[in-house]
Amino acid sequence: MLKRELRLRKKSGFQAIFANGKNFSAKYAAVYIFKGDKQSFGFIASKKIGNSVQRNRAKRLLREVIRLHILEIKPDLQIIFIARAKIKGVSFIEVETSIMMMLKRANALILK
């Protein structure tokens, strides 16, 4: 689970990123990225995904990708992940590769 200080929770935080951030999309999720002062993440799964079980699974998959790769993400980015309907029933490996490729395309990863 992500630490409390890394999570976006307020509506105003989400609105600021939607208004000022750049958006990128992949097969299983879309992201809005905003260069802010501290690292934070938000996760959204709408009712288009399915019932609450499917929405929560989609958000869990996205959170787990971030938890495993948080050290590879630039520390000054605020990112919102929006799950897409195609994420239903997909394995973690597929979601992970898709998200990481999208973050690389968005120049959100620290180059090694």
N, C-alpha and C. Protein backbone atom coordinates (compact mmCIF):
# COMPACT_ATOMS: atom_id res chain seq x y z
N MET A 1 0.84 -1.18 0.00
CA MET A 1 0.00 0.00 0.00
C MET A 1 0.89 1.25 0.00
N LEU A 2 0.46 2.23 -0.74
CA LEU A 2 1.20 3.49 -0.80
C LEU A 2 1.05 4.25 0.51
N LYS A 3 2.11 4.93 0.90
CA LYS A 3 2.06 5.75 2.10
C LYS A 3 1.05 6.87 1.92
N ARG A 4 0.48 7.31 3.03
CA ARG A 4 -0.56 8.33 2.99
C ARG A 4 -0.08 9.61 2.32
N GLU A 5 1.17 10.00 2.57
CA GLU A 5 1.67 11.26 1.99
C GLU A 5 1.90 11.17 0.48
N LEU A 6 1.88 9.97 -0.08
CA LEU A 6 2.05 9.79 -1.53
C LEU A 6 0.73 9.74 -2.28
N ARG A 7 -0.39 9.75 -1.56
CA ARG A 7 -1.70 9.60 -2.19
C ARG A 7 -2.38 10.95 -2.38
N LEU A 8 -3.02 11.13 -3.52
CA LEU A 8 -3.89 12.28 -3.75
C LEU A 8 -5.26 11.91 -3.19
N ARG A 9 -5.82 12.79 -2.34
CA ARG A 9 -7.10 12.47 -1.75
C ARG A 9 -8.13 13.57 -1.94
N LYS A 10 -7.68 14.80 -2.10
CA LYS A 10 -8.61 15.93 -2.18
C LYS A 10 -9.02 16.20 -3.63
N LYS A 11 -10.26 16.62 -3.78
CA LYS A 11 -10.79 16.93 -5.10
C LYS A 11 -10.00 18.06 -5.75
N SER A 12 -9.56 19.02 -4.96
CA SER A 12 -8.81 20.15 -5.51
C SER A 12 -7.47 19.69 -6.10
N GLY A 13 -6.85 18.68 -5.48
CA GLY A 13 -5.61 18.14 -6.02
C GLY A 13 -5.81 17.47 -7.37
N PHE A 14 -6.89 16.71 -7.49
CA PHE A 14 -7.21 16.07 -8.76
C PHE A 14 -7.52 17.12 -9.83
N GLN A 15 -8.32 18.12 -9.47
CA GLN A 15 -8.70 19.15 -10.45
C GLN A 15 -7.51 19.93 -10.96
N ALA A 16 -6.56 20.23 -10.09
CA ALA A 16 -5.37 20.97 -10.51
C ALA A 16 -4.56 20.16 -11.52
N ILE A 17 -4.43 18.88 -11.28
CA ILE A 17 -3.66 18.04 -12.20
C ILE A 17 -4.39 17.87 -13.53
N PHE A 18 -5.72 17.70 -13.47
CA PHE A 18 -6.49 17.59 -14.71
C PHE A 18 -6.38 18.88 -15.52
N ALA A 19 -6.39 20.02 -14.86
CA ALA A 19 -6.37 21.30 -15.56
C ALA A 19 -5.00 21.61 -16.16
N ASN A 20 -3.93 21.28 -15.44
CA ASN A 20 -2.60 21.70 -15.86
C ASN A 20 -1.70 20.59 -16.37
N GLY A 21 -2.08 19.33 -16.16
CA GLY A 21 -1.21 18.22 -16.51
C GLY A 21 -1.30 17.80 -17.96
N LYS A 22 -0.32 17.03 -18.38
CA LYS A 22 -0.32 16.44 -19.72
C LYS A 22 -0.90 15.05 -19.62
N ASN A 23 -1.62 14.64 -20.65
CA ASN A 23 -2.21 13.30 -20.60
C ASN A 23 -1.56 12.38 -21.62
N PHE A 24 -1.45 11.13 -21.21
CA PHE A 24 -0.92 10.06 -22.05
C PHE A 24 -1.84 8.86 -21.87
N SER A 25 -1.86 7.99 -22.85
CA SER A 25 -2.73 6.83 -22.70
C SER A 25 -2.04 5.57 -23.20
N ALA A 26 -2.50 4.47 -22.65
CA ALA A 26 -2.03 3.15 -23.02
C ALA A 26 -3.25 2.24 -23.13
N LYS A 27 -3.00 0.98 -23.31
CA LYS A 27 -4.08 0.03 -23.53
C LYS A 27 -4.99 -0.12 -22.31
N TYR A 28 -4.39 -0.12 -21.11
CA TYR A 28 -5.16 -0.42 -19.90
C TYR A 28 -5.39 0.78 -19.00
N ALA A 29 -4.76 1.90 -19.25
CA ALA A 29 -4.94 3.07 -18.40
C ALA A 29 -4.53 4.34 -19.14
N ALA A 30 -5.04 5.44 -18.65
CA ALA A 30 -4.62 6.76 -19.10
C ALA A 30 -4.01 7.47 -17.90
N VAL A 31 -3.10 8.40 -18.15
CA VAL A 31 -2.49 9.13 -17.04
C VAL A 31 -2.48 10.62 -17.32
N TYR A 32 -2.55 11.38 -16.26
CA TYR A 32 -2.31 12.81 -16.29
C TYR A 32 -1.09 13.04 -15.42
N ILE A 33 -0.10 13.75 -15.98
CA ILE A 33 1.15 13.98 -15.27
C ILE A 33 1.37 15.49 -15.15
N PHE A 34 1.67 15.91 -13.93
CA PHE A 34 1.92 17.32 -13.65
C PHE A 34 3.20 17.43 -12.84
N LYS A 35 4.07 18.33 -13.24
CA LYS A 35 5.32 18.52 -12.50
C LYS A 35 5.04 19.44 -11.33
N GLY A 36 4.99 18.85 -10.15
CA GLY A 36 4.69 19.60 -8.93
C GLY A 36 5.88 19.63 -8.00
N ASP A 37 5.60 19.94 -6.75
CA ASP A 37 6.69 20.04 -5.79
C ASP A 37 7.00 18.72 -5.10
N LYS A 38 6.03 17.84 -4.97
CA LYS A 38 6.29 16.55 -4.32
C LYS A 38 5.59 15.45 -5.09
N GLN A 39 6.06 14.24 -4.89
CA GLN A 39 5.51 13.08 -5.60
C GLN A 39 4.19 12.67 -4.98
N SER A 40 3.17 12.47 -5.82
CA SER A 40 1.89 11.96 -5.32
C SER A 40 1.16 11.27 -6.47
N PHE A 41 0.26 10.35 -6.09
CA PHE A 41 -0.44 9.53 -7.07
C PHE A 41 -1.93 9.47 -6.74
N GLY A 42 -2.74 9.45 -7.77
CA GLY A 42 -4.17 9.26 -7.62
C GLY A 42 -4.62 8.16 -8.57
N PHE A 43 -5.67 7.44 -8.18
CA PHE A 43 -6.15 6.31 -8.98
C PHE A 43 -7.66 6.43 -9.13
N ILE A 44 -8.14 6.28 -10.38
CA ILE A 44 -9.55 6.41 -10.68
C ILE A 44 -10.00 5.21 -11.49
N ALA A 45 -11.16 4.66 -11.13
CA ALA A 45 -11.81 3.61 -11.91
C ALA A 45 -13.30 3.94 -11.95
N SER A 46 -13.81 4.29 -13.11
CA SER A 46 -15.20 4.69 -13.22
C SER A 46 -16.12 3.47 -13.31
N LYS A 47 -17.40 3.72 -13.33
CA LYS A 47 -18.37 2.63 -13.40
C LYS A 47 -18.35 1.92 -14.76
N LYS A 48 -17.65 2.49 -15.73
CA LYS A 48 -17.49 1.82 -17.02
C LYS A 48 -16.67 0.54 -16.87
N ILE A 49 -15.85 0.48 -15.83
CA ILE A 49 -15.02 -0.70 -15.58
C ILE A 49 -15.89 -1.88 -15.18
N GLY A 50 -16.91 -1.63 -14.38
CA GLY A 50 -17.78 -2.71 -13.92
C GLY A 50 -18.23 -2.46 -12.49
N ASN A 51 -18.55 -3.54 -11.81
CA ASN A 51 -19.03 -3.39 -10.44
C ASN A 51 -17.87 -3.04 -9.50
N SER A 52 -18.17 -2.89 -8.21
CA SER A 52 -17.15 -2.42 -7.26
C SER A 52 -15.98 -3.38 -7.15
N VAL A 53 -16.23 -4.66 -7.29
CA VAL A 53 -15.14 -5.65 -7.22
C VAL A 53 -14.16 -5.42 -8.36
N GLN A 54 -14.66 -5.23 -9.56
CA GLN A 54 -13.79 -5.02 -10.72
C GLN A 54 -13.08 -3.67 -10.65
N ARG A 55 -13.78 -2.63 -10.17
CA ARG A 55 -13.14 -1.32 -10.05
C ARG A 55 -12.02 -1.35 -9.02
N ASN A 56 -12.26 -2.00 -7.89
CA ASN A 56 -11.23 -2.08 -6.86
C ASN A 56 -10.04 -2.91 -7.32
N ARG A 57 -10.28 -3.98 -8.09
CA ARG A 57 -9.17 -4.78 -8.62
C ARG A 57 -8.33 -3.95 -9.58
N ALA A 58 -9.00 -3.17 -10.42
CA ALA A 58 -8.27 -2.33 -11.37
C ALA A 58 -7.37 -1.34 -10.63
N LYS A 59 -7.90 -0.71 -9.59
CA LYS A 59 -7.09 0.24 -8.82
C LYS A 59 -5.97 -0.46 -8.07
N ARG A 60 -6.22 -1.66 -7.57
CA ARG A 60 -5.17 -2.43 -6.89
C ARG A 60 -4.03 -2.77 -7.84
N LEU A 61 -4.37 -3.15 -9.07
CA LEU A 61 -3.33 -3.45 -10.06
C LEU A 61 -2.46 -2.22 -10.32
N LEU A 62 -3.10 -1.08 -10.51
CA LEU A 62 -2.35 0.14 -10.79
C LEU A 62 -1.49 0.55 -9.60
N ARG A 63 -2.04 0.45 -8.39
CA ARG A 63 -1.27 0.80 -7.19
C ARG A 63 -0.07 -0.11 -7.00
N GLU A 64 -0.23 -1.38 -7.32
CA GLU A 64 0.86 -2.34 -7.15
C GLU A 64 2.00 -2.05 -8.14
N VAL A 65 1.65 -1.66 -9.35
CA VAL A 65 2.70 -1.29 -10.32
C VAL A 65 3.50 -0.12 -9.78
N ILE A 66 2.81 0.87 -9.24
CA ILE A 66 3.49 2.05 -8.69
C ILE A 66 4.32 1.67 -7.47
N ARG A 67 3.77 0.85 -6.60
CA ARG A 67 4.49 0.46 -5.38
C ARG A 67 5.82 -0.23 -5.72
N LEU A 68 5.80 -1.09 -6.73
CA LEU A 68 7.01 -1.81 -7.11
C LEU A 68 8.04 -0.94 -7.82
N HIS A 69 7.58 0.10 -8.51
CA HIS A 69 8.48 0.90 -9.35
C HIS A 69 8.58 2.35 -8.89
N ILE A 70 8.22 2.63 -7.65
CA ILE A 70 8.19 4.02 -7.18
C ILE A 70 9.57 4.68 -7.21
N LEU A 71 10.62 3.91 -7.02
CA LEU A 71 11.96 4.48 -7.04
C LEU A 71 12.42 4.84 -8.44
N GLU A 72 11.76 4.31 -9.45
CA GLU A 72 12.12 4.61 -10.84
C GLU A 72 11.39 5.84 -11.38
N ILE A 73 10.40 6.33 -10.65
CA ILE A 73 9.60 7.47 -11.09
C ILE A 73 10.20 8.76 -10.53
N LYS A 74 10.26 9.79 -11.34
CA LYS A 74 10.84 11.07 -10.91
C LYS A 74 10.12 11.58 -9.66
N PRO A 75 10.87 12.12 -8.71
CA PRO A 75 10.29 12.49 -7.41
C PRO A 75 9.46 13.77 -7.40
N ASP A 76 9.42 14.52 -8.48
CA ASP A 76 8.67 15.78 -8.47
C ASP A 76 7.40 15.72 -9.32
N LEU A 77 6.91 14.52 -9.62
CA LEU A 77 5.73 14.37 -10.47
C LEU A 77 4.50 14.02 -9.66
N GLN A 78 3.38 14.58 -10.07
CA GLN A 78 2.09 14.20 -9.54
C GLN A 78 1.35 13.51 -10.67
N ILE A 79 0.88 12.29 -10.43
CA ILE A 79 0.32 11.47 -11.50
C ILE A 79 -1.04 10.94 -11.09
N ILE A 80 -2.00 11.01 -12.02
CA ILE A 80 -3.31 10.40 -11.84
C ILE A 80 -3.45 9.29 -12.87
N PHE A 81 -3.79 8.10 -12.40
CA PHE A 81 -4.02 6.95 -13.27
C PHE A 81 -5.52 6.73 -13.39
N ILE A 82 -6.01 6.59 -14.62
CA ILE A 82 -7.42 6.33 -14.87
C ILE A 82 -7.52 4.98 -15.58
N ALA A 83 -8.13 4.02 -14.90
CA ALA A 83 -8.25 2.67 -15.47
C ALA A 83 -9.22 2.68 -16.65
N ARG A 84 -8.89 1.91 -17.66
CA ARG A 84 -9.77 1.76 -18.82
C ARG A 84 -10.52 0.44 -18.74
N ALA A 85 -11.58 0.32 -19.51
CA ALA A 85 -12.44 -0.87 -19.45
C ALA A 85 -11.69 -2.15 -19.85
N LYS A 86 -10.65 -2.03 -20.65
CA LYS A 86 -9.90 -3.21 -21.09
C LYS A 86 -9.10 -3.88 -19.98
N ILE A 87 -9.01 -3.23 -18.82
CA ILE A 87 -8.20 -3.77 -17.72
C ILE A 87 -8.88 -4.95 -17.04
N LYS A 88 -10.17 -5.15 -17.31
CA LYS A 88 -10.90 -6.25 -16.68
C LYS A 88 -10.31 -7.60 -17.08
N GLY A 89 -9.99 -8.42 -16.09
CA GLY A 89 -9.54 -9.78 -16.33
C GLY A 89 -8.14 -9.92 -16.90
N VAL A 90 -7.35 -8.85 -16.87
CA VAL A 90 -6.01 -8.88 -17.44
C VAL A 90 -5.00 -9.20 -16.33
N SER A 91 -3.93 -9.90 -16.68
CA SER A 91 -2.93 -10.27 -15.68
C SER A 91 -2.10 -9.06 -15.27
N PHE A 92 -1.48 -9.17 -14.12
CA PHE A 92 -0.65 -8.09 -13.58
C PHE A 92 0.52 -7.79 -14.50
N ILE A 93 1.13 -8.80 -15.07
CA ILE A 93 2.31 -8.61 -15.93
C ILE A 93 1.97 -7.72 -17.13
N GLU A 94 0.81 -7.96 -17.74
CA GLU A 94 0.41 -7.15 -18.89
C GLU A 94 0.19 -5.70 -18.50
N VAL A 95 -0.47 -5.48 -17.38
CA VAL A 95 -0.72 -4.12 -16.91
C VAL A 95 0.59 -3.43 -16.58
N GLU A 96 1.49 -4.15 -15.91
CA GLU A 96 2.78 -3.58 -15.53
C GLU A 96 3.58 -3.14 -16.75
N THR A 97 3.69 -3.99 -17.75
CA THR A 97 4.48 -3.61 -18.93
C THR A 97 3.85 -2.44 -19.67
N SER A 98 2.52 -2.43 -19.76
CA SER A 98 1.83 -1.34 -20.43
C SER A 98 2.04 -0.01 -19.71
N ILE A 99 1.90 -0.01 -18.39
CA ILE A 99 2.06 1.21 -17.60
C ILE A 99 3.50 1.72 -17.65
N MET A 100 4.44 0.82 -17.51
CA MET A 100 5.84 1.23 -17.51
C MET A 100 6.27 1.78 -18.88
N MET A 101 5.77 1.20 -19.95
CA MET A 101 6.08 1.72 -21.28
C MET A 101 5.47 3.11 -21.47
N MET A 102 4.26 3.30 -20.95
CA MET A 102 3.61 4.60 -21.05
C MET A 102 4.36 5.65 -20.23
N LEU A 103 4.81 5.30 -19.03
CA LEU A 103 5.56 6.25 -18.21
C LEU A 103 6.90 6.60 -18.86
N LYS A 104 7.51 5.62 -19.53
CA LYS A 104 8.76 5.88 -20.24
C LYS A 104 8.52 6.86 -21.39
N ARG A 105 7.41 6.66 -22.11
CA ARG A 105 7.05 7.53 -23.21
C ARG A 105 6.77 8.96 -22.72
N ALA A 106 6.21 9.05 -21.51
CA ALA A 106 5.87 10.34 -20.93
C ALA A 106 7.06 11.01 -20.25
N ASN A 107 8.21 10.38 -20.31
CA ASN A 107 9.44 10.90 -19.70
C ASN A 107 9.28 11.10 -18.21
N ALA A 108 8.61 10.13 -17.55
CA ALA A 108 8.37 10.21 -16.12
C ALA A 108 9.31 9.31 -15.33
N LEU A 109 10.18 8.59 -16.02
CA LEU A 109 11.08 7.67 -15.33
C LEU A 109 12.47 8.27 -15.22
N ILE A 110 13.17 7.89 -14.17
CA ILE A 110 14.54 8.30 -13.97
C ILE A 110 15.43 7.43 -14.87
N LEU A 111 16.22 8.06 -15.69
CA LEU A 111 17.10 7.32 -16.59
C LEU A 111 18.29 6.78 -15.81
N LYS A 112 18.64 5.54 -16.10
CA LYS A 112 19.76 4.91 -15.41
C LYS A 112 20.96 4.81 -16.29
